[in-house]
Amino acid sequence: MSGSGAESAHRLAALGTVPMAPGLSDDEVTHIESSFGFTFADDHRDFLAAALPVGEGWPNWREGHRQLDRQLRLPADGILFAVEWKQFWHGGWGKRPARMKDALRSAVYQLARVPRMVPVHSHCYLPAGRHSSGHPVLSIYQAEIRVVADNVLDYVTRLSTPAPPPTALPTVGFWSEHVIA
């Protein structure tokens, strides 16, 4: 277990503001990852294995299959909304098709190839991916993407302590290219 993931869970529990359940077992993590087709980043996995936040806005990793599916799709769905209603288009996707249905079809195709984002809390996400950790936590709302914490430990700390803006640079392809300063 990585120190920062476990320490994050212990700090959150110590705040006393979020109900905490026993952490996810290895079997539960494996089931979640296989059910939804991603792997947790190491520090995110360790955070959820140490203790599981179950309050409002926290993903219900044990029972909320429909809610989890929605939360996992939300970053890409938000980008699709921005493509349709806010003229968003990623430069690496080539020329934007003139017809909206073609633009949306192309965006769906391209978004299936970007790194998967996994919910931490509310609209805040970490990238998926075993053998990785220390990624900044990103707030993703449609095409408005911001770094809200330097890592998961910093995110938990910021829940109770005012802090200067995070200094970490985003680390995950596509999403990092659209971060608002």
N, C-alpha and C. Protein backbone atom coordinates (compact mmCIF):
# COMPACT_ATOMS: atom_id res chain seq x y z
N MET A 1 0.85 -1.18 0.00
CA MET A 1 0.00 0.00 0.00
C MET A 1 0.89 1.24 0.00
N SER A 2 0.62 2.14 -0.90
CA SER A 2 1.43 3.36 -0.95
C SER A 2 1.08 4.24 0.23
N GLY A 3 2.07 4.94 0.75
CA GLY A 3 1.86 5.78 1.91
C GLY A 3 0.84 6.86 1.68
N SER A 4 0.88 7.52 0.53
CA SER A 4 -0.01 8.65 0.31
C SER A 4 -1.47 8.22 0.19
N GLY A 5 -1.74 7.07 -0.43
CA GLY A 5 -3.13 6.59 -0.55
C GLY A 5 -3.72 6.26 0.81
N ALA A 6 -2.99 5.48 1.60
CA ALA A 6 -3.47 5.11 2.93
C ALA A 6 -3.56 6.33 3.84
N GLU A 7 -2.55 7.20 3.77
CA GLU A 7 -2.57 8.40 4.61
C GLU A 7 -3.76 9.29 4.24
N SER A 8 -4.09 9.35 2.97
CA SER A 8 -5.25 10.14 2.53
C SER A 8 -6.53 9.64 3.18
N ALA A 9 -6.72 8.32 3.20
CA ALA A 9 -7.91 7.74 3.82
C ALA A 9 -7.93 8.01 5.31
N HIS A 10 -6.79 7.89 5.95
CA HIS A 10 -6.74 8.13 7.40
C HIS A 10 -7.01 9.59 7.73
N ARG A 11 -6.49 10.50 6.92
CA ARG A 11 -6.77 11.93 7.14
C ARG A 11 -8.24 12.24 6.94
N LEU A 12 -8.83 11.67 5.91
CA LEU A 12 -10.25 11.90 5.66
C LEU A 12 -11.09 11.36 6.82
N ALA A 13 -10.76 10.19 7.30
CA ALA A 13 -11.48 9.61 8.43
C ALA A 13 -11.32 10.49 9.68
N ALA A 14 -10.14 11.02 9.88
CA ALA A 14 -9.87 11.86 11.06
C ALA A 14 -10.67 13.16 11.03
N LEU A 15 -11.01 13.63 9.83
CA LEU A 15 -11.81 14.86 9.75
C LEU A 15 -13.17 14.68 10.42
N GLY A 16 -13.71 13.48 10.35
CA GLY A 16 -15.00 13.20 10.95
C GLY A 16 -16.18 13.80 10.20
N THR A 17 -15.96 14.28 9.00
CA THR A 17 -17.04 14.92 8.24
C THR A 17 -17.62 14.02 7.16
N VAL A 18 -16.95 12.93 6.86
CA VAL A 18 -17.38 12.00 5.82
C VAL A 18 -17.53 10.62 6.43
N PRO A 19 -18.71 9.99 6.29
CA PRO A 19 -18.83 8.62 6.79
C PRO A 19 -17.85 7.71 6.06
N MET A 20 -17.22 6.82 6.81
CA MET A 20 -16.23 5.92 6.23
C MET A 20 -16.65 4.48 6.51
N ALA A 21 -16.48 3.63 5.50
CA ALA A 21 -16.75 2.20 5.62
C ALA A 21 -15.41 1.47 5.52
N PRO A 22 -15.39 0.19 5.87
CA PRO A 22 -14.14 -0.55 5.68
C PRO A 22 -13.68 -0.46 4.22
N GLY A 23 -12.38 -0.44 4.03
CA GLY A 23 -11.82 -0.32 2.69
C GLY A 23 -12.19 -1.48 1.79
N LEU A 24 -12.03 -1.27 0.50
CA LEU A 24 -12.30 -2.31 -0.48
C LEU A 24 -11.26 -3.43 -0.38
N SER A 25 -11.72 -4.65 -0.50
CA SER A 25 -10.80 -5.79 -0.52
C SER A 25 -10.19 -5.90 -1.92
N ASP A 26 -9.13 -6.70 -2.03
CA ASP A 26 -8.52 -6.94 -3.34
C ASP A 26 -9.53 -7.53 -4.31
N ASP A 27 -10.38 -8.43 -3.83
CA ASP A 27 -11.40 -9.03 -4.69
C ASP A 27 -12.41 -7.99 -5.16
N GLU A 28 -12.80 -7.08 -4.27
CA GLU A 28 -13.75 -6.03 -4.67
C GLU A 28 -13.12 -5.10 -5.71
N VAL A 29 -11.87 -4.74 -5.52
CA VAL A 29 -11.19 -3.87 -6.48
C VAL A 29 -11.10 -4.56 -7.84
N THR A 30 -10.72 -5.83 -7.82
CA THR A 30 -10.62 -6.60 -9.07
C THR A 30 -11.98 -6.66 -9.77
N HIS A 31 -13.04 -6.88 -9.00
CA HIS A 31 -14.38 -6.94 -9.58
C HIS A 31 -14.78 -5.60 -10.19
N ILE A 32 -14.52 -4.52 -9.49
CA ILE A 32 -14.85 -3.17 -10.00
C ILE A 32 -14.08 -2.91 -11.29
N GLU A 33 -12.78 -3.19 -11.26
CA GLU A 33 -11.95 -2.92 -12.44
C GLU A 33 -12.40 -3.74 -13.64
N SER A 34 -12.72 -5.00 -13.42
CA SER A 34 -13.16 -5.84 -14.55
C SER A 34 -14.57 -5.45 -15.01
N SER A 35 -15.43 -5.06 -14.10
CA SER A 35 -16.80 -4.67 -14.46
C SER A 35 -16.84 -3.40 -15.30
N PHE A 36 -15.95 -2.46 -14.99
CA PHE A 36 -16.00 -1.16 -15.65
C PHE A 36 -14.87 -0.94 -16.65
N GLY A 37 -13.95 -1.89 -16.76
CA GLY A 37 -12.91 -1.81 -17.78
C GLY A 37 -11.84 -0.77 -17.56
N PHE A 38 -11.38 -0.61 -16.33
CA PHE A 38 -10.26 0.29 -16.04
C PHE A 38 -9.49 -0.29 -14.87
N THR A 39 -8.32 0.27 -14.60
CA THR A 39 -7.59 -0.06 -13.37
C THR A 39 -7.34 1.24 -12.62
N PHE A 40 -7.44 1.16 -11.31
CA PHE A 40 -7.17 2.32 -10.46
C PHE A 40 -5.68 2.66 -10.51
N ALA A 41 -5.36 3.94 -10.42
CA ALA A 41 -3.98 4.35 -10.16
C ALA A 41 -3.62 3.82 -8.76
N ASP A 42 -2.37 3.56 -8.53
CA ASP A 42 -1.95 2.91 -7.28
C ASP A 42 -2.38 3.67 -6.03
N ASP A 43 -2.19 5.00 -6.00
CA ASP A 43 -2.56 5.75 -4.80
C ASP A 43 -4.07 5.81 -4.62
N HIS A 44 -4.82 5.83 -5.70
CA HIS A 44 -6.29 5.82 -5.61
C HIS A 44 -6.76 4.47 -5.07
N ARG A 45 -6.18 3.40 -5.58
CA ARG A 45 -6.50 2.05 -5.10
C ARG A 45 -6.20 1.93 -3.60
N ASP A 46 -5.04 2.40 -3.20
CA ASP A 46 -4.65 2.30 -1.80
C ASP A 46 -5.54 3.15 -0.89
N PHE A 47 -5.96 4.30 -1.38
CA PHE A 47 -6.89 5.16 -0.66
C PHE A 47 -8.18 4.39 -0.38
N LEU A 48 -8.74 3.75 -1.41
CA LEU A 48 -10.01 3.03 -1.27
C LEU A 48 -9.86 1.73 -0.50
N ALA A 49 -8.67 1.16 -0.49
CA ALA A 49 -8.43 -0.07 0.27
C ALA A 49 -8.27 0.21 1.77
N ALA A 50 -7.78 1.39 2.10
CA ALA A 50 -7.58 1.73 3.51
C ALA A 50 -8.90 2.06 4.21
N ALA A 51 -9.76 2.79 3.55
CA ALA A 51 -11.09 3.13 4.08
C ALA A 51 -11.90 3.69 2.91
N LEU A 52 -13.19 3.45 2.95
CA LEU A 52 -14.05 3.83 1.82
C LEU A 52 -14.99 4.96 2.22
N PRO A 53 -14.80 6.17 1.64
CA PRO A 53 -15.74 7.25 1.93
C PRO A 53 -17.09 6.92 1.30
N VAL A 54 -18.16 7.13 2.06
CA VAL A 54 -19.50 6.76 1.58
C VAL A 54 -20.49 7.91 1.67
N GLY A 55 -20.03 9.09 1.89
CA GLY A 55 -20.92 10.24 2.00
C GLY A 55 -21.32 10.80 0.65
N GLU A 56 -22.07 11.87 0.70
CA GLU A 56 -22.58 12.52 -0.51
C GLU A 56 -21.43 12.95 -1.43
N GLY A 57 -21.59 12.63 -2.71
CA GLY A 57 -20.60 13.00 -3.70
C GLY A 57 -19.49 11.99 -3.89
N TRP A 58 -19.33 11.07 -2.93
CA TRP A 58 -18.30 10.05 -3.06
C TRP A 58 -18.87 8.87 -3.84
N PRO A 59 -18.11 8.31 -4.77
CA PRO A 59 -18.61 7.17 -5.55
C PRO A 59 -18.96 6.00 -4.63
N ASN A 60 -20.08 5.35 -4.93
CA ASN A 60 -20.51 4.18 -4.15
C ASN A 60 -19.93 2.93 -4.84
N TRP A 61 -18.67 2.63 -4.52
CA TRP A 61 -17.96 1.55 -5.19
C TRP A 61 -18.52 0.17 -4.86
N ARG A 62 -19.29 0.04 -3.80
CA ARG A 62 -19.82 -1.28 -3.45
C ARG A 62 -21.20 -1.57 -4.04
N GLU A 63 -22.05 -0.57 -4.15
CA GLU A 63 -23.44 -0.85 -4.51
C GLU A 63 -24.00 -0.01 -5.65
N GLY A 64 -23.33 1.00 -6.07
CA GLY A 64 -23.92 1.94 -7.00
C GLY A 64 -23.56 1.72 -8.45
N HIS A 65 -23.82 0.54 -9.00
CA HIS A 65 -23.39 0.21 -10.36
C HIS A 65 -23.86 1.26 -11.38
N ARG A 66 -25.13 1.62 -11.34
CA ARG A 66 -25.66 2.60 -12.31
C ARG A 66 -25.03 3.97 -12.10
N GLN A 67 -24.92 4.38 -10.84
CA GLN A 67 -24.32 5.66 -10.52
C GLN A 67 -22.84 5.67 -10.94
N LEU A 68 -22.12 4.59 -10.69
CA LEU A 68 -20.71 4.51 -11.06
C LEU A 68 -20.53 4.60 -12.57
N ASP A 69 -21.37 3.89 -13.29
CA ASP A 69 -21.30 3.94 -14.75
C ASP A 69 -21.48 5.37 -15.23
N ARG A 70 -22.44 6.07 -14.64
CA ARG A 70 -22.70 7.46 -15.02
C ARG A 70 -21.50 8.35 -14.67
N GLN A 71 -20.94 8.18 -13.46
CA GLN A 71 -19.80 9.00 -13.04
C GLN A 71 -18.57 8.73 -13.91
N LEU A 72 -18.39 7.49 -14.32
CA LEU A 72 -17.26 7.15 -15.17
C LEU A 72 -17.42 7.73 -16.59
N ARG A 73 -18.65 7.85 -17.05
CA ARG A 73 -18.92 8.41 -18.39
C ARG A 73 -18.96 9.94 -18.38
N LEU A 74 -19.15 10.53 -17.22
CA LEU A 74 -19.37 11.98 -17.14
C LEU A 74 -18.29 12.83 -17.80
N PRO A 75 -17.00 12.57 -17.61
CA PRO A 75 -16.01 13.43 -18.29
C PRO A 75 -16.18 13.42 -19.82
N ALA A 76 -16.31 12.25 -20.42
CA ALA A 76 -16.48 12.18 -21.88
C ALA A 76 -17.83 12.77 -22.29
N ASP A 77 -18.88 12.49 -21.53
CA ASP A 77 -20.19 13.06 -21.85
C ASP A 77 -20.16 14.58 -21.79
N GLY A 78 -19.41 15.13 -20.84
CA GLY A 78 -19.28 16.58 -20.74
C GLY A 78 -18.57 17.17 -21.95
N ILE A 79 -17.56 16.47 -22.44
CA ILE A 79 -16.87 16.93 -23.65
C ILE A 79 -17.83 16.88 -24.84
N LEU A 80 -18.62 15.81 -24.94
CA LEU A 80 -19.60 15.72 -26.04
C LEU A 80 -20.61 16.85 -25.97
N PHE A 81 -21.04 17.20 -24.76
CA PHE A 81 -21.94 18.34 -24.59
C PHE A 81 -21.27 19.61 -25.11
N ALA A 82 -20.00 19.79 -24.76
CA ALA A 82 -19.27 20.99 -25.20
C ALA A 82 -19.08 20.99 -26.71
N VAL A 83 -18.89 19.81 -27.30
CA VAL A 83 -18.78 19.74 -28.76
C VAL A 83 -20.09 20.20 -29.39
N GLU A 84 -21.21 19.75 -28.84
CA GLU A 84 -22.51 20.07 -29.43
C GLU A 84 -22.96 21.49 -29.17
N TRP A 85 -22.73 21.99 -27.95
CA TRP A 85 -23.33 23.26 -27.56
C TRP A 85 -22.36 24.42 -27.39
N LYS A 86 -21.07 24.12 -27.30
CA LYS A 86 -20.11 25.20 -27.05
C LYS A 86 -18.99 25.24 -28.09
N GLN A 87 -19.18 24.57 -29.19
CA GLN A 87 -18.21 24.57 -30.29
C GLN A 87 -16.83 24.06 -29.88
N PHE A 88 -16.74 23.25 -28.84
CA PHE A 88 -15.46 22.67 -28.45
C PHE A 88 -15.00 21.70 -29.54
N TRP A 89 -13.70 21.74 -29.82
CA TRP A 89 -13.10 20.76 -30.73
C TRP A 89 -11.63 20.66 -30.40
N HIS A 90 -11.15 19.46 -30.15
CA HIS A 90 -9.74 19.23 -29.82
C HIS A 90 -8.91 19.28 -31.11
N GLY A 91 -7.84 20.06 -31.10
CA GLY A 91 -7.01 20.23 -32.30
C GLY A 91 -6.46 18.93 -32.86
N GLY A 92 -6.18 17.96 -32.01
CA GLY A 92 -5.62 16.68 -32.46
C GLY A 92 -6.63 15.77 -33.15
N TRP A 93 -7.88 16.19 -33.21
CA TRP A 93 -8.90 15.37 -33.86
C TRP A 93 -9.05 15.67 -35.34
N GLY A 94 -8.27 16.59 -35.84
CA GLY A 94 -8.40 16.96 -37.25
C GLY A 94 -9.46 18.03 -37.43
N LYS A 95 -9.85 18.20 -38.68
CA LYS A 95 -10.84 19.24 -39.00
C LYS A 95 -12.22 18.83 -38.47
N ARG A 96 -12.89 19.78 -37.86
CA ARG A 96 -14.22 19.51 -37.33
C ARG A 96 -15.21 19.30 -38.49
N PRO A 97 -15.94 18.20 -38.48
CA PRO A 97 -16.96 18.00 -39.51
C PRO A 97 -18.02 19.09 -39.45
N ALA A 98 -18.55 19.46 -40.59
CA ALA A 98 -19.54 20.53 -40.66
C ALA A 98 -20.87 20.12 -40.04
N ARG A 99 -21.29 18.87 -40.26
CA ARG A 99 -22.57 18.43 -39.69
C ARG A 99 -22.37 17.98 -38.25
N MET A 100 -23.28 18.42 -37.37
CA MET A 100 -23.15 18.12 -35.95
C MET A 100 -23.13 16.62 -35.68
N LYS A 101 -23.98 15.85 -36.34
CA LYS A 101 -24.00 14.41 -36.05
C LYS A 101 -22.66 13.77 -36.42
N ASP A 102 -22.00 14.27 -37.47
CA ASP A 102 -20.68 13.75 -37.84
C ASP A 102 -19.61 14.20 -36.84
N ALA A 103 -19.73 15.43 -36.36
CA ALA A 103 -18.80 15.92 -35.34
C ALA A 103 -18.93 15.10 -34.06
N LEU A 104 -20.16 14.83 -33.65
CA LEU A 104 -20.38 14.03 -32.44
C LEU A 104 -19.87 12.60 -32.63
N ARG A 105 -20.13 12.01 -33.78
CA ARG A 105 -19.66 10.65 -34.05
C ARG A 105 -18.13 10.60 -33.98
N SER A 106 -17.48 11.59 -34.59
CA SER A 106 -16.02 11.65 -34.57
C SER A 106 -15.51 11.85 -33.15
N ALA A 107 -16.15 12.73 -32.38
CA ALA A 107 -15.74 12.99 -31.00
C ALA A 107 -15.90 11.73 -30.14
N VAL A 108 -16.99 10.99 -30.33
CA VAL A 108 -17.18 9.73 -29.57
C VAL A 108 -16.03 8.78 -29.88
N TYR A 109 -15.69 8.65 -31.16
CA TYR A 109 -14.59 7.79 -31.58
C TYR A 109 -13.28 8.24 -30.91
N GLN A 110 -12.99 9.52 -30.95
CA GLN A 110 -11.74 10.04 -30.37
C GLN A 110 -11.72 9.90 -28.85
N LEU A 111 -12.84 10.16 -28.20
CA LEU A 111 -12.89 10.07 -26.73
C LEU A 111 -12.72 8.64 -26.22
N ALA A 112 -13.07 7.67 -27.05
CA ALA A 112 -12.86 6.27 -26.65
C ALA A 112 -11.37 5.95 -26.57
N ARG A 113 -10.52 6.82 -27.08
CA ARG A 113 -9.09 6.58 -27.11
C ARG A 113 -8.29 7.45 -26.14
N VAL A 114 -8.96 8.31 -25.39
CA VAL A 114 -8.24 9.15 -24.43
C VAL A 114 -8.16 8.41 -23.09
N PRO A 115 -7.22 8.79 -22.23
CA PRO A 115 -7.12 8.14 -20.93
C PRO A 115 -8.42 8.23 -20.14
N ARG A 116 -8.75 7.15 -19.49
CA ARG A 116 -9.98 7.06 -18.68
C ARG A 116 -9.78 7.80 -17.38
N MET A 117 -10.77 8.56 -16.99
CA MET A 117 -10.73 9.27 -15.72
C MET A 117 -11.66 8.57 -14.74
N VAL A 118 -11.21 8.46 -13.49
CA VAL A 118 -11.93 7.71 -12.46
C VAL A 118 -12.33 8.68 -11.35
N PRO A 119 -13.61 8.66 -10.95
CA PRO A 119 -14.06 9.63 -9.96
C PRO A 119 -13.43 9.42 -8.59
N VAL A 120 -13.05 10.54 -7.99
CA VAL A 120 -12.58 10.56 -6.61
C VAL A 120 -13.72 11.04 -5.72
N HIS A 121 -14.28 12.18 -6.08
CA HIS A 121 -15.35 12.81 -5.30
C HIS A 121 -16.02 13.85 -6.19
N SER A 122 -17.33 13.82 -6.22
CA SER A 122 -18.10 14.80 -6.99
C SER A 122 -17.60 14.83 -8.43
N HIS A 123 -17.15 15.97 -8.93
CA HIS A 123 -16.67 16.10 -10.30
C HIS A 123 -15.15 16.10 -10.37
N CYS A 124 -14.50 15.52 -9.36
CA CYS A 124 -13.04 15.46 -9.31
C CYS A 124 -12.56 14.06 -9.64
N TYR A 125 -11.51 13.99 -10.46
CA TYR A 125 -11.07 12.73 -11.04
C TYR A 125 -9.56 12.55 -11.00
N LEU A 126 -9.16 11.28 -11.00
CA LEU A 126 -7.77 10.87 -11.21
C LEU A 126 -7.74 9.99 -12.45
N PRO A 127 -6.62 9.98 -13.17
CA PRO A 127 -6.55 9.07 -14.31
C PRO A 127 -6.46 7.62 -13.85
N ALA A 128 -7.02 6.74 -14.67
CA ALA A 128 -6.89 5.31 -14.42
C ALA A 128 -5.47 4.89 -14.75
N GLY A 129 -5.09 3.73 -14.26
CA GLY A 129 -3.79 3.18 -14.67
C GLY A 129 -2.96 2.64 -13.55
N ARG A 130 -2.85 1.32 -13.51
CA ARG A 130 -1.98 0.67 -12.54
C ARG A 130 -0.54 1.09 -12.77
N HIS A 131 0.25 1.03 -11.73
CA HIS A 131 1.67 1.40 -11.74
C HIS A 131 1.86 2.89 -11.99
N SER A 132 0.88 3.66 -11.56
CA SER A 132 1.01 5.11 -11.61
C SER A 132 0.43 5.68 -10.33
N SER A 133 0.96 6.79 -9.91
CA SER A 133 0.42 7.47 -8.74
C SER A 133 0.95 8.89 -8.72
N GLY A 134 0.41 9.69 -7.81
CA GLY A 134 0.87 11.06 -7.66
C GLY A 134 0.32 12.02 -8.70
N HIS A 135 -0.69 11.61 -9.44
CA HIS A 135 -1.29 12.51 -10.42
C HIS A 135 -2.07 13.62 -9.73
N PRO A 136 -2.10 14.81 -10.33
CA PRO A 136 -2.97 15.85 -9.80
C PRO A 136 -4.44 15.43 -9.93
N VAL A 137 -5.25 15.90 -9.01
CA VAL A 137 -6.69 15.67 -9.08
C VAL A 137 -7.27 16.77 -9.96
N LEU A 138 -8.06 16.36 -10.95
CA LEU A 138 -8.66 17.30 -11.89
C LEU A 138 -10.15 17.44 -11.64
N SER A 139 -10.62 18.67 -11.66
CA SER A 139 -12.05 18.94 -11.68
C SER A 139 -12.44 18.99 -13.14
N ILE A 140 -13.41 18.15 -13.51
CA ILE A 140 -13.84 18.10 -14.91
C ILE A 140 -15.33 18.38 -14.97
N TYR A 141 -15.65 19.49 -15.60
CA TYR A 141 -17.04 19.85 -15.83
C TYR A 141 -17.14 20.30 -17.27
N GLN A 142 -17.72 19.46 -18.12
CA GLN A 142 -17.76 19.67 -19.56
C GLN A 142 -16.33 19.87 -20.03
N ALA A 143 -16.03 20.96 -20.73
CA ALA A 143 -14.66 21.18 -21.21
C ALA A 143 -13.88 22.11 -20.28
N GLU A 144 -14.43 22.38 -19.09
CA GLU A 144 -13.73 23.19 -18.10
C GLU A 144 -12.99 22.24 -17.17
N ILE A 145 -11.69 22.21 -17.32
CA ILE A 145 -10.85 21.27 -16.57
C ILE A 145 -9.84 22.08 -15.77
N ARG A 146 -9.79 21.81 -14.48
CA ARG A 146 -8.88 22.53 -13.59
C ARG A 146 -8.14 21.55 -12.69
N VAL A 147 -6.91 21.90 -12.33
CA VAL A 147 -6.18 21.15 -11.32
C VAL A 147 -6.67 21.67 -9.98
N VAL A 148 -7.23 20.79 -9.14
CA VAL A 148 -7.74 21.22 -7.84
C VAL A 148 -6.88 20.76 -6.68
N ALA A 149 -5.96 19.83 -6.94
CA ALA A 149 -5.05 19.37 -5.90
C ALA A 149 -3.85 18.71 -6.55
N ASP A 150 -2.73 18.76 -5.86
CA ASP A 150 -1.50 18.20 -6.40
C ASP A 150 -1.53 16.67 -6.50
N ASN A 151 -2.31 16.03 -5.64
CA ASN A 151 -2.45 14.57 -5.61
C ASN A 151 -3.61 14.23 -4.68
N VAL A 152 -3.88 12.96 -4.48
CA VAL A 152 -5.04 12.57 -3.66
C VAL A 152 -4.88 13.02 -2.20
N LEU A 153 -3.67 12.96 -1.66
CA LEU A 153 -3.44 13.41 -0.28
C LEU A 153 -3.70 14.91 -0.17
N ASP A 154 -3.23 15.68 -1.12
CA ASP A 154 -3.47 17.12 -1.13
C ASP A 154 -4.97 17.41 -1.27
N TYR A 155 -5.68 16.61 -2.06
CA TYR A 155 -7.12 16.79 -2.23
C TYR A 155 -7.84 16.64 -0.88
N VAL A 156 -7.54 15.58 -0.17
CA VAL A 156 -8.17 15.35 1.13
C VAL A 156 -7.81 16.47 2.10
N THR A 157 -6.57 16.90 2.09
CA THR A 157 -6.15 17.99 2.98
C THR A 157 -6.92 19.26 2.67
N ARG A 158 -7.13 19.56 1.39
CA ARG A 158 -7.84 20.77 0.99
C ARG A 158 -9.33 20.75 1.36
N LEU A 159 -9.87 19.58 1.65
CA LEU A 159 -11.27 19.51 2.07
C LEU A 159 -11.50 20.22 3.40
N SER A 160 -10.43 20.34 4.20
CA SER A 160 -10.60 20.95 5.52
C SER A 160 -9.70 22.14 5.78
N THR A 161 -8.71 22.34 4.93
CA THR A 161 -7.73 23.39 5.18
C THR A 161 -7.57 24.27 3.96
N PRO A 162 -7.79 25.57 4.09
CA PRO A 162 -7.54 26.45 2.94
C PRO A 162 -6.06 26.35 2.54
N ALA A 163 -5.83 26.39 1.27
CA ALA A 163 -4.46 26.26 0.79
C ALA A 163 -4.29 27.11 -0.46
N PRO A 164 -3.03 27.46 -0.75
CA PRO A 164 -2.79 28.19 -2.00
C PRO A 164 -3.11 27.29 -3.19
N PRO A 165 -3.25 27.85 -4.37
CA PRO A 165 -3.56 27.01 -5.53
C PRO A 165 -2.54 25.89 -5.70
N PRO A 166 -2.98 24.75 -6.21
CA PRO A 166 -2.05 23.65 -6.43
C PRO A 166 -0.98 24.04 -7.44
N THR A 167 0.19 23.42 -7.31
CA THR A 167 1.31 23.75 -8.19
C THR A 167 1.63 22.65 -9.20
N ALA A 168 1.05 21.48 -9.03
CA ALA A 168 1.36 20.35 -9.90
C ALA A 168 0.88 20.61 -11.32
N LEU A 169 1.64 20.13 -12.26
CA LEU A 169 1.23 20.19 -13.65
C LEU A 169 0.44 18.93 -13.98
N PRO A 170 -0.63 19.07 -14.74
CA PRO A 170 -1.43 17.89 -15.10
C PRO A 170 -0.58 16.90 -15.89
N THR A 171 -0.88 15.63 -15.74
CA THR A 171 -0.01 14.58 -16.27
C THR A 171 -0.66 13.64 -17.26
N VAL A 172 -1.92 13.82 -17.56
CA VAL A 172 -2.62 12.83 -18.37
C VAL A 172 -3.03 13.42 -19.72
N GLY A 173 -2.68 12.69 -20.78
CA GLY A 173 -2.96 13.15 -22.13
C GLY A 173 -4.41 13.55 -22.34
N PHE A 174 -4.65 14.38 -23.30
CA PHE A 174 -5.92 14.98 -23.68
C PHE A 174 -6.44 15.89 -22.58
N TRP A 175 -6.74 15.35 -21.41
CA TRP A 175 -7.34 16.14 -20.33
C TRP A 175 -6.39 17.27 -19.92
N SER A 176 -5.10 16.98 -19.84
CA SER A 176 -4.12 17.99 -19.46
C SER A 176 -4.04 19.14 -20.46
N GLU A 177 -4.30 18.83 -21.72
CA GLU A 177 -4.20 19.84 -22.77
C GLU A 177 -5.31 20.88 -22.69
N HIS A 178 -6.32 20.62 -21.87
CA HIS A 178 -7.47 21.52 -21.80
C HIS A 178 -7.64 22.15 -20.40
N VAL A 179 -6.61 22.02 -19.58
CA VAL A 179 -6.69 22.59 -18.23
C VAL A 179 -6.70 24.11 -18.33
N ILE A 180 -7.62 24.70 -17.58
CA ILE A 180 -7.74 26.15 -17.48
C ILE A 180 -6.86 26.60 -16.32
N ALA A 181 -6.03 27.57 -16.56
CA ALA A 181 -5.12 28.05 -15.51
C ALA A 181 -5.87 28.81 -14.45
